[in-house]
Amino acid sequence: MSVQNSNSDRALSRKQRLQEKQRRQLAVVDTVDKAEAKVRKAEVEVAMAVAEAVQVFGGMQEASEGLDMPIQTVQRFLGMAQDEVASADNVVELVGGS
């Protein structure tokens, strides 16, 4: 009888170890997801600032020089800013029910 209990204890502890491993993996995935969301939010904030800089400097080339940022990077951030504004407009339309 003690042999059966021993096997049962080992199986249970194996199951517990696997559950703990899975719990840790899920916690890591959750942490990565949260970090990615923060990065995305920061990128959007930079994109909006770059879009504002383009207006202030009077154009992409001027903003690129003023920000010491390659023109391709300015263009990428402008695209992100436009996407964000379009996305926000869609949300307003959906919520507004127009």
N, C-alpha and C. Protein backbone atom coordinates (compact mmCIF):
# COMPACT_ATOMS: atom_id res chain seq x y z
N MET A 1 0.82 -1.19 0.00
CA MET A 1 0.00 0.00 0.00
C MET A 1 0.86 1.25 0.00
N SER A 2 1.92 1.23 0.69
CA SER A 2 2.78 2.41 0.70
C SER A 2 3.42 2.64 -0.66
N VAL A 3 3.59 1.58 -1.46
CA VAL A 3 4.13 1.74 -2.81
C VAL A 3 3.15 2.53 -3.67
N GLN A 4 1.86 2.26 -3.55
CA GLN A 4 0.86 2.98 -4.31
C GLN A 4 0.83 4.45 -3.90
N ASN A 5 0.91 4.71 -2.62
CA ASN A 5 0.93 6.09 -2.15
C ASN A 5 2.16 6.81 -2.67
N SER A 6 3.27 6.13 -2.69
CA SER A 6 4.51 6.73 -3.19
C SER A 6 4.37 7.10 -4.66
N ASN A 7 3.81 6.19 -5.47
CA ASN A 7 3.59 6.48 -6.88
C ASN A 7 2.61 7.64 -7.06
N SER A 8 1.58 7.63 -6.25
CA SER A 8 0.58 8.69 -6.30
C SER A 8 1.21 10.03 -5.92
N ASP A 9 2.05 10.03 -4.90
CA ASP A 9 2.74 11.26 -4.48
C ASP A 9 3.66 11.78 -5.58
N ARG A 10 4.38 10.86 -6.23
CA ARG A 10 5.27 11.27 -7.32
C ARG A 10 4.48 11.84 -8.48
N ALA A 11 3.38 11.17 -8.83
CA ALA A 11 2.55 11.64 -9.93
C ALA A 11 1.97 13.01 -9.60
N LEU A 12 1.53 13.16 -8.37
CA LEU A 12 0.97 14.44 -7.96
C LEU A 12 2.04 15.52 -8.00
N SER A 13 3.20 15.21 -7.50
CA SER A 13 4.24 16.23 -7.50
C SER A 13 4.69 16.55 -8.92
N ARG A 14 4.67 15.54 -9.80
CA ARG A 14 5.00 15.81 -11.21
C ARG A 14 3.95 16.73 -11.81
N LYS A 15 2.70 16.42 -11.51
CA LYS A 15 1.60 17.26 -12.01
C LYS A 15 1.74 18.68 -11.46
N GLN A 16 2.04 18.79 -10.18
CA GLN A 16 2.21 20.12 -9.58
C GLN A 16 3.38 20.86 -10.21
N ARG A 17 4.47 20.13 -10.47
CA ARG A 17 5.63 20.78 -11.10
C ARG A 17 5.28 21.28 -12.49
N LEU A 18 4.54 20.48 -13.24
CA LEU A 18 4.13 20.89 -14.58
C LEU A 18 3.18 22.09 -14.53
N GLN A 19 2.27 22.08 -13.56
CA GLN A 19 1.35 23.21 -13.41
C GLN A 19 2.11 24.48 -13.04
N GLU A 20 3.09 24.34 -12.16
CA GLU A 20 3.89 25.50 -11.75
C GLU A 20 4.70 26.03 -12.94
N LYS A 21 5.25 25.13 -13.72
CA LYS A 21 6.01 25.53 -14.91
C LYS A 21 5.09 26.28 -15.87
N GLN A 22 3.89 25.75 -16.08
CA GLN A 22 2.93 26.41 -16.96
C GLN A 22 2.53 27.78 -16.42
N ARG A 23 2.33 27.85 -15.12
CA ARG A 23 1.97 29.13 -14.50
C ARG A 23 3.08 30.16 -14.73
N ARG A 24 4.34 29.76 -14.56
CA ARG A 24 5.47 30.67 -14.79
C ARG A 24 5.55 31.10 -16.25
N GLN A 25 5.32 30.15 -17.17
CA GLN A 25 5.35 30.48 -18.59
C GLN A 25 4.26 31.49 -18.93
N LEU A 26 3.08 31.27 -18.40
CA LEU A 26 1.97 32.21 -18.64
C LEU A 26 2.28 33.59 -18.05
N ALA A 27 2.92 33.61 -16.90
CA ALA A 27 3.30 34.88 -16.29
C ALA A 27 4.31 35.61 -17.17
N VAL A 28 5.24 34.89 -17.75
CA VAL A 28 6.22 35.51 -18.65
C VAL A 28 5.53 36.05 -19.90
N VAL A 29 4.64 35.26 -20.47
CA VAL A 29 3.91 35.71 -21.66
C VAL A 29 3.11 36.97 -21.33
N ASP A 30 2.47 36.99 -20.18
CA ASP A 30 1.71 38.17 -19.75
C ASP A 30 2.62 39.38 -19.60
N THR A 31 3.78 39.20 -19.02
CA THR A 31 4.74 40.30 -18.86
C THR A 31 5.19 40.83 -20.22
N VAL A 32 5.48 39.93 -21.14
CA VAL A 32 5.89 40.34 -22.49
C VAL A 32 4.76 41.09 -23.18
N ASP A 33 3.54 40.59 -23.07
CA ASP A 33 2.39 41.27 -23.68
C ASP A 33 2.24 42.69 -23.14
N LYS A 34 2.38 42.84 -21.84
CA LYS A 34 2.26 44.17 -21.22
C LYS A 34 3.39 45.08 -21.69
N ALA A 35 4.60 44.54 -21.79
CA ALA A 35 5.74 45.34 -22.25
C ALA A 35 5.54 45.76 -23.70
N GLU A 36 5.04 44.87 -24.53
CA GLU A 36 4.78 45.21 -25.93
C GLU A 36 3.72 46.31 -26.04
N ALA A 37 2.72 46.26 -25.19
CA ALA A 37 1.68 47.30 -25.20
C ALA A 37 2.28 48.65 -24.81
N LYS A 38 3.19 48.65 -23.83
CA LYS A 38 3.85 49.89 -23.42
C LYS A 38 4.73 50.44 -24.54
N VAL A 39 5.43 49.55 -25.24
CA VAL A 39 6.28 49.97 -26.35
C VAL A 39 5.41 50.57 -27.45
N ARG A 40 4.31 49.92 -27.76
CA ARG A 40 3.40 50.43 -28.79
C ARG A 40 2.88 51.81 -28.41
N LYS A 41 2.50 51.98 -27.15
CA LYS A 41 2.00 53.27 -26.69
C LYS A 41 3.08 54.34 -26.83
N ALA A 42 4.31 54.00 -26.45
CA ALA A 42 5.42 54.95 -26.56
C ALA A 42 5.70 55.30 -28.02
N GLU A 43 5.64 54.29 -28.91
CA GLU A 43 5.86 54.56 -30.33
C GLU A 43 4.80 55.51 -30.88
N VAL A 44 3.56 55.32 -30.47
CA VAL A 44 2.48 56.19 -30.92
C VAL A 44 2.71 57.62 -30.42
N GLU A 45 3.16 57.76 -29.18
CA GLU A 45 3.44 59.09 -28.64
C GLU A 45 4.56 59.76 -29.42
N VAL A 46 5.61 59.02 -29.75
CA VAL A 46 6.71 59.57 -30.55
C VAL A 46 6.19 59.93 -31.94
N ALA A 47 5.37 59.07 -32.52
CA ALA A 47 4.83 59.32 -33.85
C ALA A 47 4.02 60.62 -33.86
N MET A 48 3.21 60.81 -32.84
CA MET A 48 2.41 62.04 -32.77
C MET A 48 3.31 63.26 -32.60
N ALA A 49 4.36 63.12 -31.82
CA ALA A 49 5.31 64.23 -31.64
C ALA A 49 6.04 64.53 -32.94
N VAL A 50 6.41 63.51 -33.68
CA VAL A 50 7.09 63.72 -34.97
C VAL A 50 6.13 64.40 -35.94
N ALA A 51 4.87 63.99 -35.96
CA ALA A 51 3.89 64.63 -36.83
C ALA A 51 3.75 66.12 -36.49
N GLU A 52 3.75 66.40 -35.21
CA GLU A 52 3.70 67.81 -34.78
C GLU A 52 4.97 68.55 -35.21
N ALA A 53 6.11 67.89 -35.09
CA ALA A 53 7.38 68.50 -35.49
C ALA A 53 7.39 68.81 -36.98
N VAL A 54 6.80 67.94 -37.78
CA VAL A 54 6.74 68.19 -39.23
C VAL A 54 5.94 69.46 -39.49
N GLN A 55 4.86 69.64 -38.75
CA GLN A 55 4.07 70.88 -38.92
C GLN A 55 4.86 72.09 -38.45
N VAL A 56 5.53 71.97 -37.31
CA VAL A 56 6.27 73.11 -36.75
C VAL A 56 7.45 73.49 -37.65
N PHE A 57 8.17 72.48 -38.13
CA PHE A 57 9.34 72.76 -38.97
C PHE A 57 8.96 73.09 -40.41
N GLY A 58 7.74 72.77 -40.80
CA GLY A 58 7.28 73.14 -42.13
C GLY A 58 7.45 72.07 -43.19
N GLY A 59 7.83 70.88 -42.83
CA GLY A 59 7.95 69.80 -43.81
C GLY A 59 8.77 68.64 -43.27
N MET A 60 8.72 67.54 -44.02
CA MET A 60 9.43 66.34 -43.57
C MET A 60 10.95 66.53 -43.58
N GLN A 61 11.47 67.12 -44.64
CA GLN A 61 12.92 67.29 -44.75
C GLN A 61 13.43 68.19 -43.62
N GLU A 62 12.72 69.27 -43.36
CA GLU A 62 13.11 70.19 -42.29
C GLU A 62 13.02 69.51 -40.92
N ALA A 63 11.97 68.75 -40.72
CA ALA A 63 11.82 68.02 -39.45
C ALA A 63 12.93 66.98 -39.31
N SER A 64 13.24 66.31 -40.41
CA SER A 64 14.31 65.31 -40.38
C SER A 64 15.63 65.96 -39.94
N GLU A 65 15.91 67.11 -40.49
CA GLU A 65 17.15 67.82 -40.12
C GLU A 65 17.06 68.36 -38.70
N GLY A 66 15.93 68.95 -38.34
CA GLY A 66 15.76 69.53 -37.01
C GLY A 66 15.78 68.50 -35.90
N LEU A 67 15.27 67.32 -36.19
CA LEU A 67 15.23 66.25 -35.19
C LEU A 67 16.46 65.34 -35.28
N ASP A 68 17.30 65.58 -36.29
CA ASP A 68 18.46 64.72 -36.53
C ASP A 68 18.01 63.27 -36.64
N MET A 69 17.01 63.09 -37.53
CA MET A 69 16.37 61.78 -37.70
C MET A 69 16.31 61.50 -39.20
N PRO A 70 16.67 60.30 -39.63
CA PRO A 70 16.59 60.00 -41.06
C PRO A 70 15.18 60.22 -41.60
N ILE A 71 15.09 60.68 -42.83
CA ILE A 71 13.80 60.98 -43.45
C ILE A 71 12.90 59.74 -43.46
N GLN A 72 13.50 58.55 -43.62
CA GLN A 72 12.70 57.31 -43.62
C GLN A 72 12.03 57.10 -42.26
N THR A 73 12.74 57.44 -41.21
CA THR A 73 12.18 57.30 -39.86
C THR A 73 11.04 58.29 -39.66
N VAL A 74 11.23 59.51 -40.14
CA VAL A 74 10.16 60.52 -40.05
C VAL A 74 8.94 60.03 -40.81
N GLN A 75 9.15 59.47 -42.00
CA GLN A 75 8.03 58.97 -42.80
C GLN A 75 7.32 57.82 -42.09
N ARG A 76 8.11 56.92 -41.47
CA ARG A 76 7.51 55.79 -40.76
C ARG A 76 6.65 56.28 -39.60
N PHE A 77 7.17 57.26 -38.84
CA PHE A 77 6.40 57.80 -37.72
C PHE A 77 5.16 58.55 -38.20
N LEU A 78 5.27 59.25 -39.33
CA LEU A 78 4.11 59.93 -39.88
C LEU A 78 3.02 58.92 -40.26
N GLY A 79 3.45 57.81 -40.85
CA GLY A 79 2.49 56.76 -41.19
C GLY A 79 1.80 56.21 -39.96
N MET A 80 2.58 56.00 -38.90
CA MET A 80 2.00 55.52 -37.64
C MET A 80 1.00 56.53 -37.09
N ALA A 81 1.36 57.82 -37.13
CA ALA A 81 0.48 58.87 -36.62
C ALA A 81 -0.81 58.92 -37.42
N GLN A 82 -0.70 58.80 -38.74
CA GLN A 82 -1.90 58.80 -39.59
C GLN A 82 -2.78 57.60 -39.28
N ASP A 83 -2.16 56.43 -39.10
CA ASP A 83 -2.92 55.23 -38.76
C ASP A 83 -3.63 55.40 -37.43
N GLU A 84 -2.95 56.01 -36.47
CA GLU A 84 -3.53 56.21 -35.13
C GLU A 84 -4.72 57.17 -35.21
N VAL A 85 -4.57 58.25 -35.97
CA VAL A 85 -5.66 59.21 -36.12
C VAL A 85 -6.84 58.55 -36.83
N ALA A 86 -6.57 57.77 -37.88
CA ALA A 86 -7.64 57.09 -38.60
C ALA A 86 -8.34 56.09 -37.69
N SER A 87 -7.57 55.38 -36.89
CA SER A 87 -8.15 54.41 -35.95
C SER A 87 -9.02 55.12 -34.92
N ALA A 88 -8.54 56.23 -34.41
CA ALA A 88 -9.32 57.00 -33.42
C ALA A 88 -10.60 57.53 -34.06
N ASP A 89 -10.53 57.97 -35.33
CA ASP A 89 -11.72 58.45 -36.02
C ASP A 89 -12.75 57.33 -36.17
N ASN A 90 -12.27 56.12 -36.49
CA ASN A 90 -13.18 54.98 -36.62
C ASN A 90 -13.86 54.67 -35.30
N VAL A 91 -13.14 54.76 -34.21
CA VAL A 91 -13.71 54.50 -32.89
C VAL A 91 -14.77 55.54 -32.57
N VAL A 92 -14.50 56.80 -32.89
CA VAL A 92 -15.47 57.88 -32.64
C VAL A 92 -16.73 57.63 -33.45
N GLU A 93 -16.57 57.21 -34.72
CA GLU A 93 -17.73 56.93 -35.56
C GLU A 93 -18.54 55.77 -35.00
N LEU A 94 -17.87 54.73 -34.53
CA LEU A 94 -18.57 53.56 -33.99
C LEU A 94 -19.31 53.92 -32.71
N VAL A 95 -18.67 54.68 -31.85
CA VAL A 95 -19.28 55.05 -30.57
C VAL A 95 -20.37 56.08 -30.78
N GLY A 96 -20.13 57.02 -31.70
CA GLY A 96 -21.10 58.08 -31.95
C GLY A 96 -22.37 57.58 -32.60
N GLY A 97 -22.26 56.48 -33.33
CA GLY A 97 -23.43 55.89 -33.97
C GLY A 97 -23.99 56.73 -35.11
N SER A 98 -23.15 57.57 -35.70
CA SER A 98 -23.62 58.44 -36.78
C SER A 98 -24.02 57.67 -37.95
